[in-house]
Amino acid sequence: MEFSSKLLEKAVNEMAQLPGIGKRTALRLVLHLLKQPKEQTQFLTESLQTMRHEVKYCKSCHNISDVELCEICSNEKRNHQMICVVEDIRDVMAIENTGQFKGVYHVLGGKISPIDGVGPSQLNIATLVEKVSAGMVAEVIFALSSTMEGDTTNFYIFRQIQQYEIKTSTIARGISVGDELEYADEITLGRSILNRIPFENTMKSN
């Protein structure tokens, strides 16, 4: 792709680093920004810079937040003894949209994937084990996508908390294997949470 401007080329190359954005899409987005009033582009730039510098991670569940304790964790009406383990904020948003879950979350920040160099120490697993060992948890619900990496992560965490007398369950497999939670429709995802099954049963069926 030939560019008539080095400035344009640099902007396109930076935009193309975003997930799912190829060079052609990046070019279309950059050209769109050029057509907008300068102040509109400034608003976008400022909002991104503000987010990058001021965004926080909840000290309890590791969810993205504006304050130290996110709105879900600070809500006294939520069941703080029921923790739903998810990969990232997109899964929290997907489950919240169902309106079926009244507990709290624990965001791992990824899944165990040796091929990608992601091990347990790179994820927020230790803090989850701390909560369980402190007697703060009655049930842990595994809500990772049913992929090899998701199943590996579930099993690793299960082994870490197995010694404690708590209930462990996983969302019902109404979600197709390999599907990400954010793409599941709200009814299916909601039912899979309500109809969750003991985690030990999933190991017997494998």
C-alpha atoms as a PDB file:
ATOM      1  CA  MET A   1       0.000   0.000   0.000  1.00  0.00           C
ATOM      2  CA  GLU A   2       1.573   3.260  -1.186  1.00  0.00           C
ATOM      3  CA  PHE A   3       0.988   6.469   0.795  1.00  0.00           C
ATOM      4  CA  SER A   4       1.301  10.030  -0.413  1.00  0.00           C
ATOM      5  CA  SER A   5       2.002  11.196   3.137  1.00  0.00           C
ATOM      6  CA  LYS A   6       4.339   9.803   5.789  1.00  0.00           C
ATOM      7  CA  LEU A   7       2.068  11.239   8.475  1.00  0.00           C
ATOM      8  CA  LEU A   8      -0.898   9.376   6.997  1.00  0.00           C
ATOM      9  CA  GLU A   9       1.121   6.184   6.737  1.00  0.00           C
ATOM     10  CA  LYS A  10       2.212   6.390  10.369  1.00  0.00           C
ATOM     11  CA  ALA A  11      -1.367   6.961  11.559  1.00  0.00           C
ATOM     12  CA  VAL A  12      -2.628   4.018   9.502  1.00  0.00           C
ATOM     13  CA  ASN A  13       0.136   1.743  10.810  1.00  0.00           C
ATOM     14  CA  GLU A  14      -0.725   2.641  14.401  1.00  0.00           C
ATOM     15  CA  MET A  15      -4.459   2.135  13.832  1.00  0.00           C
ATOM     16  CA  ALA A  16      -3.794  -1.227  12.162  1.00  0.00           C
ATOM     17  CA  GLN A  17      -2.279  -2.545  15.408  1.00  0.00           C
ATOM     18  CA  LEU A  18      -5.736  -2.674  16.969  1.00  0.00           C
ATOM     19  CA  PRO A  19      -7.383  -6.152  17.077  1.00  0.00           C
ATOM     20  CA  GLY A  20      -9.420  -6.966  13.972  1.00  0.00           C
ATOM     21  CA  ILE A  21      -8.250  -3.857  12.133  1.00  0.00           C
ATOM     22  CA  GLY A  22      -6.407  -4.459   8.853  1.00  0.00           C
ATOM     23  CA  LYS A  23      -4.559  -1.854   6.806  1.00  0.00           C
ATOM     24  CA  ARG A  24      -7.556  -1.072   4.575  1.00  0.00           C
ATOM     25  CA  THR A  25      -9.918  -0.629   7.524  1.00  0.00           C
ATOM     26  CA  ALA A  26      -7.283   1.460   9.307  1.00  0.00           C
ATOM     27  CA  LEU A  27      -6.964   3.693   6.256  1.00  0.00           C
ATOM     28  CA  ARG A  28     -10.747   4.143   6.091  1.00  0.00           C
ATOM     29  CA  LEU A  29     -10.876   5.099   9.784  1.00  0.00           C
ATOM     30  CA  VAL A  30      -7.991   7.541   9.519  1.00  0.00           C
ATOM     31  CA  LEU A  31      -9.487   9.210   6.448  1.00  0.00           C
ATOM     32  CA  HIS A  32     -12.790   9.476   8.321  1.00  0.00           C
ATOM     33  CA  LEU A  33     -11.019  11.245  11.190  1.00  0.00           C
ATOM     34  CA  LEU A  34      -9.408  13.652   8.736  1.00  0.00           C
ATOM     35  CA  LYS A  35     -12.849  14.637   7.460  1.00  0.00           C
ATOM     36  CA  GLN A  36     -14.149  15.369  10.966  1.00  0.00           C
ATOM     37  CA  PRO A  37     -13.761  18.775  12.647  1.00  0.00           C
ATOM     38  CA  LYS A  38     -10.398  19.008  14.421  1.00  0.00           C
ATOM     39  CA  GLU A  39     -12.056  19.368  17.818  1.00  0.00           C
ATOM     40  CA  GLN A  40     -13.829  16.014  17.303  1.00  0.00           C
ATOM     41  CA  THR A  41     -10.493  14.281  16.827  1.00  0.00           C
ATOM     42  CA  GLN A  42      -9.205  16.162  19.866  1.00  0.00           C
ATOM     43  CA  PHE A  43     -12.086  14.828  21.980  1.00  0.00           C
ATOM     44  CA  LEU A  44     -11.211  11.281  20.905  1.00  0.00           C
ATOM     45  CA  THR A  45      -7.524  11.786  21.666  1.00  0.00           C
ATOM     46  CA  GLU A  46      -8.226  13.297  25.073  1.00  0.00           C
ATOM     47  CA  SER A  47     -10.673  10.559  26.080  1.00  0.00           C
ATOM     48  CA  LEU A  48      -8.150   7.851  25.169  1.00  0.00           C
ATOM     49  CA  GLN A  49      -5.340   9.583  27.040  1.00  0.00           C
ATOM     50  CA  THR A  50      -7.539  10.153  30.100  1.00  0.00           C
ATOM     51  CA  MET A  51      -8.634   6.512  30.106  1.00  0.00           C
ATOM     52  CA  ARG A  52      -5.064   5.272  29.741  1.00  0.00           C
ATOM     53  CA  HIS A  53      -3.749   7.390  32.602  1.00  0.00           C
ATOM     54  CA  GLU A  54      -6.660   7.337  35.034  1.00  0.00           C
ATOM     55  CA  VAL A  55      -8.381   3.974  34.624  1.00  0.00           C
ATOM     56  CA  LYS A  56      -8.048   1.663  37.627  1.00  0.00           C
ATOM     57  CA  TYR A  57      -8.488  -2.029  38.350  1.00  0.00           C
ATOM     58  CA  CYS A  58     -10.790  -3.009  41.196  1.00  0.00           C
ATOM     59  CA  LYS A  59      -8.684  -4.037  44.175  1.00  0.00           C
ATOM     60  CA  SER A  60     -11.092  -6.880  44.907  1.00  0.00           C
ATOM     61  CA  CYS A  61     -12.086  -8.439  41.568  1.00  0.00           C
ATOM     62  CA  HIS A  62      -9.599  -6.840  39.097  1.00  0.00           C
ATOM     63  CA  ASN A  63     -12.408  -5.497  36.925  1.00  0.00           C
ATOM     64  CA  ILE A  64     -11.755  -2.231  35.079  1.00  0.00           C
ATOM     65  CA  SER A  65     -13.081   0.632  37.180  1.00  0.00           C
ATOM     66  CA  ASP A  66     -12.952   4.393  37.753  1.00  0.00           C
ATOM     67  CA  VAL A  67     -12.432   3.891  41.501  1.00  0.00           C
ATOM     68  CA  GLU A  68     -10.507   1.463  43.709  1.00  0.00           C
ATOM     69  CA  LEU A  69     -13.565  -0.708  44.394  1.00  0.00           C
ATOM     70  CA  CYS A  70     -15.860  -1.239  41.403  1.00  0.00           C
ATOM     71  CA  GLU A  71     -19.617  -0.686  41.558  1.00  0.00           C
ATOM     72  CA  ILE A  72     -20.358  -4.417  41.672  1.00  0.00           C
ATOM     73  CA  CYS A  73     -17.975  -5.182  44.550  1.00  0.00           C
ATOM     74  CA  SER A  74     -19.158  -2.143  46.519  1.00  0.00           C
ATOM     75  CA  ASN A  75     -22.821  -3.131  46.121  1.00  0.00           C
ATOM     76  CA  GLU A  76     -24.008  -4.545  49.462  1.00  0.00           C
ATOM     77  CA  LYS A  77     -26.997  -6.199  47.770  1.00  0.00           C
ATOM     78  CA  ARG A  78     -24.740  -8.578  45.809  1.00  0.00           C
ATOM     79  CA  ASN A  79     -23.917 -12.025  47.188  1.00  0.00           C
ATOM     80  CA  HIS A  80     -20.218 -11.645  47.968  1.00  0.00           C
ATOM     81  CA  GLN A  81     -19.858 -15.335  48.832  1.00  0.00           C
ATOM     82  CA  MET A  82     -20.659 -16.352  45.249  1.00  0.00           C
ATOM     83  CA  ILE A  83     -17.814 -15.590  42.833  1.00  0.00           C
ATOM     84  CA  CYS A  84     -18.027 -15.971  39.071  1.00  0.00           C
ATOM     85  CA  VAL A  85     -14.582 -16.452  37.507  1.00  0.00           C
ATOM     86  CA  VAL A  86     -14.253 -14.828  34.070  1.00  0.00           C
ATOM     87  CA  GLU A  87     -11.501 -13.999  31.611  1.00  0.00           C
ATOM     88  CA  ASP A  88     -11.980 -10.240  31.198  1.00  0.00           C
ATOM     89  CA  ILE A  89     -14.360  -7.285  31.455  1.00  0.00           C
ATOM     90  CA  ARG A  90     -16.234  -8.303  28.281  1.00  0.00           C
ATOM     91  CA  ASP A  91     -17.454 -11.428  30.079  1.00  0.00           C
ATOM     92  CA  VAL A  92     -18.554  -9.389  33.099  1.00  0.00           C
ATOM     93  CA  MET A  93     -20.572  -7.149  30.793  1.00  0.00           C
ATOM     94  CA  ALA A  94     -22.114 -10.130  28.967  1.00  0.00           C
ATOM     95  CA  ILE A  95     -23.208 -11.834  32.190  1.00  0.00           C
ATOM     96  CA  GLU A  96     -24.468  -8.592  33.740  1.00  0.00           C
ATOM     97  CA  ASN A  97     -26.650  -8.029  30.682  1.00  0.00           C
ATOM     98  CA  THR A  98     -28.531 -11.264  31.459  1.00  0.00           C
ATOM     99  CA  GLY A  99     -29.685  -9.926  34.822  1.00  0.00           C
ATOM    100  CA  GLN A 100     -29.502 -13.487  36.176  1.00  0.00           C
ATOM    101  CA  PHE A 101     -26.365 -13.333  38.312  1.00  0.00           C
ATOM    102  CA  LYS A 102     -26.445 -11.633  41.717  1.00  0.00           C
ATOM    103  CA  GLY A 103     -22.992 -12.543  42.990  1.00  0.00           C
ATOM    104  CA  VAL A 104     -19.638 -10.883  42.324  1.00  0.00           C
ATOM    105  CA  TYR A 105     -16.836 -11.566  39.864  1.00  0.00           C
ATOM    106  CA  HIS A 106     -13.160 -12.370  39.714  1.00  0.00           C
ATOM    107  CA  VAL A 107     -11.439 -11.265  36.507  1.00  0.00           C
ATOM    108  CA  LEU A 108      -8.419 -13.407  35.649  1.00  0.00           C
ATOM    109  CA  GLY A 109      -7.075 -11.178  32.886  1.00  0.00           C
ATOM    110  CA  GLY A 110      -6.653 -14.083  30.474  1.00  0.00           C
ATOM    111  CA  LYS A 111      -6.404 -17.875  30.311  1.00  0.00           C
ATOM    112  CA  ILE A 112      -3.507 -20.266  30.822  1.00  0.00           C
ATOM    113  CA  SER A 113      -1.888 -20.800  27.430  1.00  0.00           C
ATOM    114  CA  PRO A 114       1.655 -22.247  27.382  1.00  0.00           C
ATOM    115  CA  ILE A 115       1.842 -21.732  23.596  1.00  0.00           C
ATOM    116  CA  ASP A 116       1.382 -17.979  24.141  1.00  0.00           C
ATOM    117  CA  GLY A 117       3.667 -17.943  27.167  1.00  0.00           C
ATOM    118  CA  VAL A 118       0.819 -17.304  29.598  1.00  0.00           C
ATOM    119  CA  GLY A 119       1.175 -19.223  32.846  1.00  0.00           C
ATOM    120  CA  PRO A 120      -0.740 -19.109  36.156  1.00  0.00           C
ATOM    121  CA  SER A 121       1.592 -16.441  37.561  1.00  0.00           C
ATOM    122  CA  GLN A 122       0.555 -14.022  34.791  1.00  0.00           C
ATOM    123  CA  LEU A 123      -3.117 -14.285  35.794  1.00  0.00           C
ATOM    124  CA  ASN A 124      -5.080 -13.075  38.845  1.00  0.00           C
ATOM    125  CA  ILE A 125      -5.330 -16.561  40.338  1.00  0.00           C
ATOM    126  CA  ALA A 126      -3.430 -16.097  43.610  1.00  0.00           C
ATOM    127  CA  THR A 127      -5.858 -13.436  44.866  1.00  0.00           C
ATOM    128  CA  LEU A 128      -8.809 -15.743  44.156  1.00  0.00           C
ATOM    129  CA  VAL A 129      -7.185 -18.546  46.156  1.00  0.00           C
ATOM    130  CA  GLU A 130      -6.587 -16.051  48.989  1.00  0.00           C
ATOM    131  CA  LYS A 131     -10.296 -15.205  49.117  1.00  0.00           C
ATOM    132  CA  VAL A 132     -11.242 -18.876  49.224  1.00  0.00           C
ATOM    133  CA  SER A 133      -8.640 -19.775  51.868  1.00  0.00           C
ATOM    134  CA  ALA A 134      -9.815 -16.872  54.038  1.00  0.00           C
ATOM    135  CA  GLY A 135     -13.311 -18.408  54.189  1.00  0.00           C
ATOM    136  CA  MET A 136     -14.894 -15.544  52.260  1.00  0.00           C
ATOM    137  CA  VAL A 137     -16.375 -17.744  49.514  1.00  0.00           C
ATOM    138  CA  ALA A 138     -19.200 -20.306  49.444  1.00  0.00           C
ATOM    139  CA  GLU A 139     -19.261 -21.020  45.698  1.00  0.00           C
ATOM    140  CA  VAL A 140     -16.899 -20.473  42.770  1.00  0.00           C
ATOM    141  CA  ILE A 141     -18.520 -20.523  39.331  1.00  0.00           C
ATOM    142  CA  PHE A 142     -16.215 -21.113  36.372  1.00  0.00           C
ATOM    143  CA  ALA A 143     -17.419 -19.078  33.395  1.00  0.00           C
ATOM    144  CA  LEU A 144     -14.512 -19.310  30.984  1.00  0.00           C
ATOM    145  CA  SER A 145     -15.095 -20.223  27.351  1.00  0.00           C
ATOM    146  CA  SER A 146     -15.080 -23.986  26.744  1.00  0.00           C
ATOM    147  CA  THR A 147     -11.787 -24.113  24.859  1.00  0.00           C
ATOM    148  CA  MET A 148      -8.644 -26.081  25.659  1.00  0.00           C
ATOM    149  CA  GLU A 149      -7.192 -22.998  27.387  1.00  0.00           C
ATOM    150  CA  GLY A 150     -10.410 -22.337  29.295  1.00  0.00           C
ATOM    151  CA  ASP A 151     -10.684 -25.922  30.511  1.00  0.00           C
ATOM    152  CA  THR A 152      -7.005 -25.959  31.506  1.00  0.00           C
ATOM    153  CA  THR A 153      -7.456 -22.769  33.524  1.00  0.00           C
ATOM    154  CA  ASN A 154     -10.605 -24.086  35.206  1.00  0.00           C
ATOM    155  CA  PHE A 155      -8.844 -27.315  36.203  1.00  0.00           C
ATOM    156  CA  TYR A 156      -5.774 -25.506  37.511  1.00  0.00           C
ATOM    157  CA  ILE A 157      -7.877 -23.221  39.722  1.00  0.00           C
ATOM    158  CA  PHE A 158     -10.002 -26.166  40.877  1.00  0.00           C
ATOM    159  CA  ARG A 159      -6.882 -27.989  42.042  1.00  0.00           C
ATOM    160  CA  GLN A 160      -5.755 -24.896  43.936  1.00  0.00           C
ATOM    161  CA  ILE A 161      -9.022 -24.581  45.885  1.00  0.00           C
ATOM    162  CA  GLN A 162     -10.063 -28.241  46.031  1.00  0.00           C
ATOM    163  CA  GLN A 163      -8.947 -28.634  49.647  1.00  0.00           C
ATOM    164  CA  TYR A 164     -11.398 -26.012  50.874  1.00  0.00           C
ATOM    165  CA  GLU A 165     -15.009 -26.883  51.613  1.00  0.00           C
ATOM    166  CA  ILE A 166     -16.725 -24.761  48.988  1.00  0.00           C
ATOM    167  CA  LYS A 167     -19.020 -25.484  46.072  1.00  0.00           C
ATOM    168  CA  THR A 168     -17.450 -25.343  42.612  1.00  0.00           C
ATOM    169  CA  SER A 169     -19.602 -25.240  39.497  1.00  0.00           C
ATOM    170  CA  THR A 170     -19.384 -24.347  35.837  1.00  0.00           C
ATOM    171  CA  ILE A 171     -21.908 -22.725  33.522  1.00  0.00           C
ATOM    172  CA  ALA A 172     -23.994 -25.249  31.620  1.00  0.00           C
ATOM    173  CA  ARG A 173     -22.639 -26.057  28.180  1.00  0.00           C
ATOM    174  CA  GLY A 174     -25.468 -24.386  26.328  1.00  0.00           C
ATOM    175  CA  ILE A 175     -22.635 -22.244  25.024  1.00  0.00           C
ATOM    176  CA  SER A 176     -21.030 -23.973  22.047  1.00  0.00           C
ATOM    177  CA  VAL A 177     -17.482 -25.240  22.456  1.00  0.00           C
ATOM    178  CA  GLY A 178     -15.025 -22.510  21.539  1.00  0.00           C
ATOM    179  CA  ASP A 179     -17.597 -19.722  21.802  1.00  0.00           C
ATOM    180  CA  GLU A 180     -16.706 -16.588  23.733  1.00  0.00           C
ATOM    181  CA  LEU A 181     -19.253 -15.425  26.315  1.00  0.00           C
ATOM    182  CA  GLU A 182     -19.525 -11.945  24.816  1.00  0.00           C
ATOM    183  CA  TYR A 183     -21.043 -13.400  21.636  1.00  0.00           C
ATOM    184  CA  ALA A 184     -23.633 -15.582  23.384  1.00  0.00           C
ATOM    185  CA  ASP A 185     -27.193 -14.319  23.391  1.00  0.00           C
ATOM    186  CA  GLU A 186     -28.467 -13.140  26.766  1.00  0.00           C
ATOM    187  CA  ILE A 187     -31.145 -15.830  27.147  1.00  0.00           C
ATOM    188  CA  THR A 188     -28.744 -18.710  26.471  1.00  0.00           C
ATOM    189  CA  LEU A 189     -26.060 -17.242  28.717  1.00  0.00           C
ATOM    190  CA  GLY A 190     -28.560 -16.495  31.474  1.00  0.00           C
ATOM    191  CA  ARG A 191     -29.895 -20.049  31.415  1.00  0.00           C
ATOM    192  CA  SER A 192     -26.383 -21.490  31.426  1.00  0.00           C
ATOM    193  CA  ILE A 193     -25.682 -19.612  34.657  1.00  0.00           C
ATOM    194  CA  LEU A 194     -28.934 -20.642  36.334  1.00  0.00           C
ATOM    195  CA  ASN A 195     -28.486 -24.268  35.218  1.00  0.00           C
ATOM    196  CA  ARG A 196     -24.826 -24.484  36.191  1.00  0.00           C
ATOM    197  CA  ILE A 197     -23.488 -27.916  37.099  1.00  0.00           C
ATOM    198  CA  PRO A 198     -20.918 -29.146  39.658  1.00  0.00           C
ATOM    199  CA  PHE A 199     -17.406 -28.815  38.261  1.00  0.00           C
ATOM    200  CA  GLU A 200     -16.561 -32.404  39.248  1.00  0.00           C
ATOM    201  CA  ASN A 201     -19.226 -33.637  36.804  1.00  0.00           C
ATOM    202  CA  THR A 202     -17.414 -32.028  33.887  1.00  0.00           C
ATOM    203  CA  MET A 203     -14.255 -33.925  34.744  1.00  0.00           C
ATOM    204  CA  LYS A 204     -16.129 -37.248  34.814  1.00  0.00           C
ATOM    205  CA  SER A 205     -17.541 -36.614  31.347  1.00  0.00           C
ATOM    206  CA  ASN A 206     -14.108 -35.853  29.830  1.00  0.00           C
END
